[in-house]
């Protein structure tokens, strides 16, 4: 089997942790690099969290590079109310070896991996898009060797950070706009499908007993405020990995997407033009529905496959 080379750009984050684990233990994927971006909590914290996860999974050979500590133009916001002050509250990880963190900025590390790869590289951004926008603008030569961006972000309707804005795009709408206008092949798993991609209470009890990874997830889930431990936890970021590995569980639309950066009440809104009102050429494949039962079954199988 030829593994698909990917870079995960992330801001762990409890649901990020699940997505990262699934990717790391997937035989179909070759995780070449993990890059971090300010988002759910500060850059220092998300970078530390990424290093904790790799140590816990026994995957410390995978390089990690820290990226943008703030949005391109906006003030920093975070989601510590959802993920806790550290971003991954609820489990005591062993101290990682932070000397293994790459010295170069995330976009320099991305450039190196992309240009040196014999196969085109897929980038999976599951946090704000600051690093991706910086990469595109700073090193446009990488674009020819990028297979696709598979993004968790945006919404086809209401938001969870602004009235009409999903958190990842709301955190840096200018970056999201640059990415959407890049001309790269883009697929998006938005907020809407994440709301249906649930870990139910009975799933959590099973996950706890699966393996070392499941035990850790269970501890994190008890602190996670992306939904409710008693009614179902939303696995937003895992949807991006699910789309990579089992796209048939999603209903999609190839359509035009742009980001509102000027609206006083709606900045950060992802305008997903499903009916063609704007008369623009489509630039993204957007997941508009997910088979919730298929997702649950898939995720449980994938967690069972972890250490």
Foldseek 3Di string as FASTA:
>chain_A
DDAAEEEEEEQADLLVLLQVQLQVLDPRHDHQEYEYECEQHFQVLSQQVVQLSCVLQVNLVRAYAYAYRAAPPDGADHNCVFQNHSNQPQDDTDGGDCVRHDPDHPLVVVQVCQVPDPAQYEYEYEAAQRSVLCNCVVPVVSQVRHQEYQYEAADQAAEDPARQADRNLQRHVVSVQSVLPSLGAYEYEYPQAQVLQWQELVNLVVLCPQDPLSVSSSRRQCRGRCPDNHGTHGSRSNVSVCCVPPVVQFDKDQFRWHAACPDPRGHNHIHTCRPCPVVDHGRYIYGDYGNNVVSSVVSSVSSSSGD
